[in-house]
Amino acid sequence: MMMKEEEIKEHLISSNPEFRRLVEEHKQHEGRLEELHSRHHMTEHDHLEEIQLKKKKLQLKDQMNAMISKFRNELTHQPS
């Protein structure tokens, strides 16, 4: 039986400290972006920070997706 992506994420969050760290870091960057976007006026520095945060979030997302794919592959290739 195939696990849904959300189930895999929950499993990895509870069992894999590295995945959990990536999720937490992603949430922190998301929170900071929301802070920046809530400002009435963003400075040039804010815009640069926004770009860096978005890049970091994408890198984290890529790492999480790679871990999800690896886990899914391991599941489908387990001997019955």
PDB file of N, CA and C in Angstrom:
ATOM      1  N   MET A   1       0.839  -1.192   0.000  1.00  0.00           N
ATOM      2  CA  MET A   1       0.000   0.000   0.000  1.00  0.00           C
ATOM      3  C   MET A   1       0.879   1.249   0.000  1.00  0.00           C
ATOM      4  N   MET A   2       0.543   2.199  -0.848  1.00  0.00           N
ATOM      5  CA  MET A   2       1.313   3.434  -0.948  1.00  0.00           C
ATOM      6  C   MET A   2       0.933   4.402   0.165  1.00  0.00           C
ATOM      7  N   MET A   3       1.944   5.027   0.745  1.00  0.00           N
ATOM      8  CA  MET A   3       1.694   6.067   1.736  1.00  0.00           C
ATOM      9  C   MET A   3       1.498   7.388   0.989  1.00  0.00           C
ATOM     10  N   LYS A   4       0.589   8.198   1.494  1.00  0.00           N
ATOM     11  CA  LYS A   4       0.396   9.523   0.921  1.00  0.00           C
ATOM     12  C   LYS A   4       1.580  10.399   1.321  1.00  0.00           C
ATOM     13  N   GLU A   5       1.816  11.460   0.542  1.00  0.00           N
ATOM     14  CA  GLU A   5       2.956  12.338   0.814  1.00  0.00           C
ATOM     15  C   GLU A   5       2.896  12.913   2.232  1.00  0.00           C
ATOM     16  N   GLU A   6       1.702  13.312   2.678  1.00  0.00           N
ATOM     17  CA  GLU A   6       1.567  13.866   4.026  1.00  0.00           C
ATOM     18  C   GLU A   6       1.942  12.823   5.088  1.00  0.00           C
ATOM     19  N   GLU A   7       1.563  11.572   4.860  1.00  0.00           N
ATOM     20  CA  GLU A   7       1.902  10.503   5.797  1.00  0.00           C
ATOM     21  C   GLU A   7       3.419  10.287   5.845  1.00  0.00           C
ATOM     22  N   ILE A   8       4.047  10.349   4.683  1.00  0.00           N
ATOM     23  CA  ILE A   8       5.501  10.197   4.625  1.00  0.00           C
ATOM     24  C   ILE A   8       6.169  11.346   5.372  1.00  0.00           C
ATOM     25  N   LYS A   9       5.685  12.577   5.143  1.00  0.00           N
ATOM     26  CA  LYS A   9       6.254  13.734   5.841  1.00  0.00           C
ATOM     27  C   LYS A   9       6.126  13.570   7.352  1.00  0.00           C
ATOM     28  N   GLU A  10       4.940  13.176   7.807  1.00  0.00           N
ATOM     29  CA  GLU A  10       4.726  12.990   9.244  1.00  0.00           C
ATOM     30  C   GLU A  10       5.657  11.917   9.807  1.00  0.00           C
ATOM     31  N   HIS A  11       5.810  10.831   9.054  1.00  0.00           N
ATOM     32  CA  HIS A  11       6.696   9.750   9.490  1.00  0.00           C
ATOM     33  C   HIS A  11       8.137  10.263   9.589  1.00  0.00           C
ATOM     34  N   LEU A  12       8.594  10.985   8.562  1.00  0.00           N
ATOM     35  CA  LEU A  12       9.968  11.489   8.564  1.00  0.00           C
ATOM     36  C   LEU A  12      10.186  12.536   9.660  1.00  0.00           C
ATOM     37  N   ILE A  13       9.186  13.381   9.902  1.00  0.00           N
ATOM     38  CA  ILE A  13       9.302  14.381  10.968  1.00  0.00           C
ATOM     39  C   ILE A  13       9.491  13.677  12.316  1.00  0.00           C
ATOM     40  N   SER A  14       8.744  12.609  12.526  1.00  0.00           N
ATOM     41  CA  SER A  14       8.817  11.928  13.824  1.00  0.00           C
ATOM     42  C   SER A  14      10.027  11.011  13.947  1.00  0.00           C
ATOM     43  N   SER A  15      10.584  10.546  12.821  1.00  0.00           N
ATOM     44  CA  SER A  15      11.646   9.546  12.914  1.00  0.00           C
ATOM     45  C   SER A  15      13.018  10.009  12.425  1.00  0.00           C
ATOM     46  N   ASN A  16      13.076  11.147  11.747  1.00  0.00           N
ATOM     47  CA  ASN A  16      14.333  11.565  11.139  1.00  0.00           C
ATOM     48  C   ASN A  16      14.700  12.980  11.601  1.00  0.00           C
ATOM     49  N   PRO A  17      15.703  13.100  12.479  1.00  0.00           N
ATOM     50  CA  PRO A  17      16.080  14.424  13.001  1.00  0.00           C
ATOM     51  C   PRO A  17      16.501  15.407  11.904  1.00  0.00           C
ATOM     52  N   GLU A  18      17.154  14.929  10.862  1.00  0.00           N
ATOM     53  CA  GLU A  18      17.590  15.805   9.771  1.00  0.00           C
ATOM     54  C   GLU A  18      16.379  16.377   9.028  1.00  0.00           C
ATOM     55  N   PHE A  19      15.396  15.535   8.738  1.00  0.00           N
ATOM     56  CA  PHE A  19      14.190  16.004   8.057  1.00  0.00           C
ATOM     57  C   PHE A  19      13.463  17.019   8.941  1.00  0.00           C
ATOM     58  N   ARG A  20      13.379  16.717  10.228  1.00  0.00           N
ATOM     59  CA  ARG A  20      12.722  17.615  11.182  1.00  0.00           C
ATOM     60  C   ARG A  20      13.417  18.981  11.207  1.00  0.00           C
ATOM     61  N   ARG A  21      14.760  18.977  11.171  1.00  0.00           N
ATOM     62  CA  ARG A  21      15.529  20.224  11.147  1.00  0.00           C
ATOM     63  C   ARG A  21      15.219  21.033   9.883  1.00  0.00           C
ATOM     64  N   LEU A  22      15.147  20.349   8.750  1.00  0.00           N
ATOM     65  CA  LEU A  22      14.834  21.029   7.482  1.00  0.00           C
ATOM     66  C   LEU A  22      13.451  21.673   7.538  1.00  0.00           C
ATOM     67  N   VAL A  23      12.482  20.949   8.079  1.00  0.00           N
ATOM     68  CA  VAL A  23      11.110  21.475   8.185  1.00  0.00           C
ATOM     69  C   VAL A  23      11.090  22.706   9.083  1.00  0.00           C
ATOM     70  N   GLU A  24      11.784  22.634  10.220  1.00  0.00           N
ATOM     71  CA  GLU A  24      11.819  23.767  11.152  1.00  0.00           C
ATOM     72  C   GLU A  24      12.475  24.986  10.515  1.00  0.00           C
ATOM     73  N   GLU A  25      13.582  24.758   9.840  1.00  0.00           N
ATOM     74  CA  GLU A  25      14.289  25.870   9.186  1.00  0.00           C
ATOM     75  C   GLU A  25      13.401  26.496   8.107  1.00  0.00           C
ATOM     76  N   HIS A  26      12.697  25.651   7.355  1.00  0.00           N
ATOM     77  CA  HIS A  26      11.782  26.132   6.318  1.00  0.00           C
ATOM     78  C   HIS A  26      10.698  27.013   6.940  1.00  0.00           C
ATOM     79  N   LYS A  27      10.141  26.566   8.071  1.00  0.00           N
ATOM     80  CA  LYS A  27       9.101  27.340   8.775  1.00  0.00           C
ATOM     81  C   LYS A  27       9.642  28.683   9.256  1.00  0.00           C
ATOM     82  N   GLN A  28      10.881  28.682   9.764  1.00  0.00           N
ATOM     83  CA  GLN A  28      11.488  29.927  10.240  1.00  0.00           C
ATOM     84  C   GLN A  28      11.639  30.928   9.097  1.00  0.00           C
ATOM     85  N   HIS A  29      12.104  30.452   7.946  1.00  0.00           N
ATOM     86  CA  HIS A  29      12.258  31.337   6.788  1.00  0.00           C
ATOM     87  C   HIS A  29      10.901  31.860   6.323  1.00  0.00           C
ATOM     88  N   GLU A  30       9.895  30.995   6.355  1.00  0.00           N
ATOM     89  CA  GLU A  30       8.539  31.408   5.968  1.00  0.00           C
ATOM     90  C   GLU A  30       8.029  32.508   6.899  1.00  0.00           C
ATOM     91  N   GLY A  31       8.262  32.334   8.199  1.00  0.00           N
ATOM     92  CA  GLY A  31       7.847  33.341   9.172  1.00  0.00           C
ATOM     93  C   GLY A  31       8.535  34.669   8.939  1.00  0.00           C
ATOM     94  N   ARG A  32       9.823  34.618   8.648  1.00  0.00           N
ATOM     95  CA  ARG A  32      10.575  35.852   8.386  1.00  0.00           C
ATOM     96  C   ARG A  32      10.061  36.536   7.118  1.00  0.00           C
ATOM     97  N   LEU A  33       9.751  35.755   6.094  1.00  0.00           N
ATOM     98  CA  LEU A  33       9.195  36.332   4.862  1.00  0.00           C
ATOM     99  C   LEU A  33       7.864  37.022   5.143  1.00  0.00           C
ATOM    100  N   GLU A  34       7.026  36.388   5.955  1.00  0.00           N
ATOM    101  CA  GLU A  34       5.739  37.000   6.307  1.00  0.00           C
ATOM    102  C   GLU A  34       5.953  38.321   7.035  1.00  0.00           C
ATOM    103  N   GLU A  35       6.969  38.344   7.922  1.00  0.00           N
ATOM    104  CA  GLU A  35       7.313  39.585   8.620  1.00  0.00           C
ATOM    105  C   GLU A  35       7.682  40.682   7.626  1.00  0.00           C
ATOM    106  N   LEU A  36       8.546  40.336   6.681  1.00  0.00           N
ATOM    107  CA  LEU A  36       8.974  41.323   5.682  1.00  0.00           C
ATOM    108  C   LEU A  36       7.792  41.819   4.859  1.00  0.00           C
ATOM    109  N   HIS A  37       6.922  40.905   4.462  1.00  0.00           N
ATOM    110  CA  HIS A  37       5.782  41.276   3.612  1.00  0.00           C
ATOM    111  C   HIS A  37       4.733  42.096   4.354  1.00  0.00           C
ATOM    112  N   SER A  38       4.750  42.036   5.684  1.00  0.00           N
ATOM    113  CA  SER A  38       3.755  42.781   6.447  1.00  0.00           C
ATOM    114  C   SER A  38       4.143  44.253   6.610  1.00  0.00           C
ATOM    115  N   ARG A  39       5.351  44.585   6.228  1.00  0.00           N
ATOM    116  CA  ARG A  39       5.802  45.976   6.337  1.00  0.00           C
ATOM    117  C   ARG A  39       5.142  46.836   5.272  1.00  0.00           C
ATOM    118  N   HIS A  40       4.929  48.095   5.628  1.00  0.00           N
ATOM    119  CA  HIS A  40       4.338  49.021   4.656  1.00  0.00           C
ATOM    120  C   HIS A  40       5.346  49.389   3.573  1.00  0.00           C
ATOM    121  N   HIS A  41       6.605  49.442   3.973  1.00  0.00           N
ATOM    122  CA  HIS A  41       7.647  49.797   3.007  1.00  0.00           C
ATOM    123  C   HIS A  41       8.844  48.884   3.228  1.00  0.00           C
ATOM    124  N   MET A  42       9.258  48.227   2.160  1.00  0.00           N
ATOM    125  CA  MET A  42      10.433  47.361   2.252  1.00  0.00           C
ATOM    126  C   MET A  42      11.640  48.113   1.716  1.00  0.00           C
ATOM    127  N   THR A  43      12.730  48.080   2.478  1.00  0.00           N
ATOM    128  CA  THR A  43      13.967  48.722   2.038  1.00  0.00           C
ATOM    129  C   THR A  43      14.663  47.826   1.016  1.00  0.00           C
ATOM    130  N   GLU A  44      15.713  48.350   0.420  1.00  0.00           N
ATOM    131  CA  GLU A  44      16.518  47.556  -0.514  1.00  0.00           C
ATOM    132  C   GLU A  44      17.092  46.338   0.218  1.00  0.00           C
ATOM    133  N   HIS A  45      17.523  46.538   1.455  1.00  0.00           N
ATOM    134  CA  HIS A  45      18.049  45.435   2.271  1.00  0.00           C
ATOM    135  C   HIS A  45      16.974  44.368   2.480  1.00  0.00           C
ATOM    136  N   ASP A  46      15.737  44.803   2.738  1.00  0.00           N
ATOM    137  CA  ASP A  46      14.622  43.858   2.918  1.00  0.00           C
ATOM    138  C   ASP A  46      14.403  43.036   1.659  1.00  0.00           C
ATOM    139  N   HIS A  47      14.475  43.697   0.493  1.00  0.00           N
ATOM    140  CA  HIS A  47      14.287  42.983  -0.775  1.00  0.00           C
ATOM    141  C   HIS A  47      15.385  41.937  -0.988  1.00  0.00           C
ATOM    142  N   LEU A  48      16.619  42.311  -0.645  1.00  0.00           N
ATOM    143  CA  LEU A  48      17.724  41.349  -0.776  1.00  0.00           C
ATOM    144  C   LEU A  48      17.533  40.176   0.177  1.00  0.00           C
ATOM    145  N   GLU A  49      17.114  40.475   1.396  1.00  0.00           N
ATOM    146  CA  GLU A  49      16.861  39.414   2.369  1.00  0.00           C
ATOM    147  C   GLU A  49      15.740  38.499   1.875  1.00  0.00           C
ATOM    148  N   GLU A  50      14.706  39.096   1.296  1.00  0.00           N
ATOM    149  CA  GLU A  50      13.588  38.319   0.750  1.00  0.00           C
ATOM    150  C   GLU A  50      14.080  37.336  -0.308  1.00  0.00           C
ATOM    151  N   ILE A  51      14.928  37.803  -1.212  1.00  0.00           N
ATOM    152  CA  ILE A  51      15.458  36.938  -2.273  1.00  0.00           C
ATOM    153  C   ILE A  51      16.269  35.797  -1.673  1.00  0.00           C
ATOM    154  N   GLN A  52      17.120  36.113  -0.686  1.00  0.00           N
ATOM    155  CA  GLN A  52      17.937  35.072  -0.047  1.00  0.00           C
ATOM    156  C   GLN A  52      17.069  34.049   0.678  1.00  0.00           C
ATOM    157  N   LEU A  53      16.057  34.537   1.370  1.00  0.00           N
ATOM    158  CA  LEU A  53      15.161  33.623   2.097  1.00  0.00           C
ATOM    159  C   LEU A  53      14.425  32.691   1.139  1.00  0.00           C
ATOM    160  N   LYS A  54      13.973  33.237   0.022  1.00  0.00           N
ATOM    161  CA  LYS A  54      13.265  32.404  -0.961  1.00  0.00           C
ATOM    162  C   LYS A  54      14.190  31.331  -1.535  1.00  0.00           C
ATOM    163  N   LYS A  55      15.440  31.704  -1.796  1.00  0.00           N
ATOM    164  CA  LYS A  55      16.409  30.724  -2.308  1.00  0.00           C
ATOM    165  C   LYS A  55      16.663  29.630  -1.275  1.00  0.00           C
ATOM    166  N   LYS A  56      16.852  30.037  -0.011  1.00  0.00           N
ATOM    167  CA  LYS A  56      17.094  29.059   1.054  1.00  0.00           C
ATOM    168  C   LYS A  56      15.896  28.125   1.206  1.00  0.00           C
ATOM    169  N   LYS A  57      14.683  28.702   1.150  1.00  0.00           N
ATOM    170  CA  LYS A  57      13.477  27.871   1.266  1.00  0.00           C
ATOM    171  C   LYS A  57      13.418  26.853   0.141  1.00  0.00           C
ATOM    172  N   LEU A  58      13.761  27.272  -1.075  1.00  0.00           N
ATOM    173  CA  LEU A  58      13.751  26.340  -2.206  1.00  0.00           C
ATOM    174  C   LEU A  58      14.774  25.219  -2.017  1.00  0.00           C
ATOM    175  N   GLN A  59      15.953  25.581  -1.522  1.00  0.00           N
ATOM    176  CA  GLN A  59      16.974  24.561  -1.278  1.00  0.00           C
ATOM    177  C   GLN A  59      16.496  23.560  -0.231  1.00  0.00           C
ATOM    178  N   LEU A  60      15.881  24.066   0.831  1.00  0.00           N
ATOM    179  CA  LEU A  60      15.363  23.187   1.878  1.00  0.00           C
ATOM    180  C   LEU A  60      14.272  22.286   1.320  1.00  0.00           C
ATOM    181  N   LYS A  61      13.385  22.874   0.521  1.00  0.00           N
ATOM    182  CA  LYS A  61      12.284  22.112  -0.081  1.00  0.00           C
ATOM    183  C   LYS A  61      12.847  20.994  -0.969  1.00  0.00           C
ATOM    184  N   ASP A  62      13.878  21.323  -1.751  1.00  0.00           N
ATOM    185  CA  ASP A  62      14.514  20.307  -2.603  1.00  0.00           C
ATOM    186  C   ASP A  62      15.094  19.172  -1.764  1.00  0.00           C
ATOM    187  N   GLN A  63      15.754  19.527  -0.650  1.00  0.00           N
ATOM    188  CA  GLN A  63      16.330  18.499   0.226  1.00  0.00           C
ATOM    189  C   GLN A  63      15.228  17.625   0.829  1.00  0.00           C
ATOM    190  N   MET A  64      14.135  18.258   1.262  1.00  0.00           N
ATOM    191  CA  MET A  64      13.027  17.487   1.846  1.00  0.00           C
ATOM    192  C   MET A  64      12.413  16.567   0.794  1.00  0.00           C
ATOM    193  N   ASN A  65      12.214  17.094  -0.418  1.00  0.00           N
ATOM    194  CA  ASN A  65      11.631  16.268  -1.478  1.00  0.00           C
ATOM    195  C   ASN A  65      12.525  15.096  -1.842  1.00  0.00           C
ATOM    196  N   ALA A  66      13.842  15.309  -1.808  1.00  0.00           N
ATOM    197  CA  ALA A  66      14.777  14.214  -2.083  1.00  0.00           C
ATOM    198  C   ALA A  66      14.651  13.134  -1.011  1.00  0.00           C
ATOM    199  N   MET A  67      14.512  13.554   0.237  1.00  0.00           N
ATOM    200  CA  MET A  67      14.369  12.583   1.330  1.00  0.00           C
ATOM    201  C   MET A  67      13.044  11.833   1.222  1.00  0.00           C
ATOM    202  N   ILE A  68      11.990  12.537   0.826  1.00  0.00           N
ATOM    203  CA  ILE A  68      10.682  11.899   0.637  1.00  0.00           C
ATOM    204  C   ILE A  68      10.770  10.871  -0.487  1.00  0.00           C
ATOM    205  N   SER A  69      11.410  11.250  -1.593  1.00  0.00           N
ATOM    206  CA  SER A  69      11.559  10.322  -2.724  1.00  0.00           C
ATOM    207  C   SER A  69      12.361   9.090  -2.330  1.00  0.00           C
ATOM    208  N   LYS A  70      13.444   9.309  -1.595  1.00  0.00           N
ATOM    209  CA  LYS A  70      14.281   8.193  -1.151  1.00  0.00           C
ATOM    210  C   LYS A  70      13.468   7.245  -0.265  1.00  0.00           C
ATOM    211  N   PHE A  71      12.700   7.825   0.662  1.00  0.00           N
ATOM    212  CA  PHE A  71      11.877   7.008   1.544  1.00  0.00           C
ATOM    213  C   PHE A  71      10.839   6.218   0.731  1.00  0.00           C
ATOM    214  N   ARG A  72      10.209   6.889  -0.230  1.00  0.00           N
ATOM    215  CA  ARG A  72       9.189   6.233  -1.062  1.00  0.00           C
ATOM    216  C   ARG A  72       9.817   5.080  -1.861  1.00  0.00           C
ATOM    217  N   ASN A  73      11.019   5.308  -2.400  1.00  0.00           N
ATOM    218  CA  ASN A  73      11.718   4.251  -3.140  1.00  0.00           C
ATOM    219  C   ASN A  73      12.035   3.065  -2.249  1.00  0.00           C
ATOM    220  N   GLU A  74      12.487   3.355  -1.035  1.00  0.00           N
ATOM    221  CA  GLU A  74      12.793   2.271  -0.100  1.00  0.00           C
ATOM    222  C   GLU A  74      11.547   1.470   0.232  1.00  0.00           C
ATOM    223  N   LEU A  75      10.420   2.167   0.346  1.00  0.00           N
ATOM    224  CA  LEU A  75       9.155   1.477   0.644  1.00  0.00           C
ATOM    225  C   LEU A  75       8.752   0.555  -0.494  1.00  0.00           C
ATOM    226  N   THR A  76       8.850   1.061  -1.719  1.00  0.00           N
ATOM    227  CA  THR A  76       8.382   0.266  -2.861  1.00  0.00           C
ATOM    228  C   THR A  76       9.335  -0.866  -3.211  1.00  0.00           C
ATOM    229  N   HIS A  77      10.574  -0.791  -2.741  1.00  0.00           N
ATOM    230  CA  HIS A  77      11.529  -1.846  -3.064  1.00  0.00           C
ATOM    231  C   HIS A  77      11.798  -2.797  -1.897  1.00  0.00           C
ATOM    232  N   GLN A  78      10.939  -2.738  -0.891  1.00  0.00           N
ATOM    233  CA  GLN A  78      11.085  -3.687   0.222  1.00  0.00           C
ATOM    234  C   GLN A  78      10.627  -5.069  -0.232  1.00  0.00           C
ATOM    235  N   PRO A  79      11.340  -6.094   0.196  1.00  0.00           N
ATOM    236  CA  PRO A  79      10.876  -7.447  -0.140  1.00  0.00           C
ATOM    237  C   PRO A  79       9.560  -7.742   0.587  1.00  0.00           C
ATOM    238  N   SER A  80       8.663  -8.424  -0.116  1.00  0.00           N
ATOM    239  CA  SER A  80       7.331  -8.716   0.469  1.00  0.00           C
ATOM    240  C   SER A  80       7.384  -9.836   1.453  1.00  0.00           C
TER     241      SER A  80
END
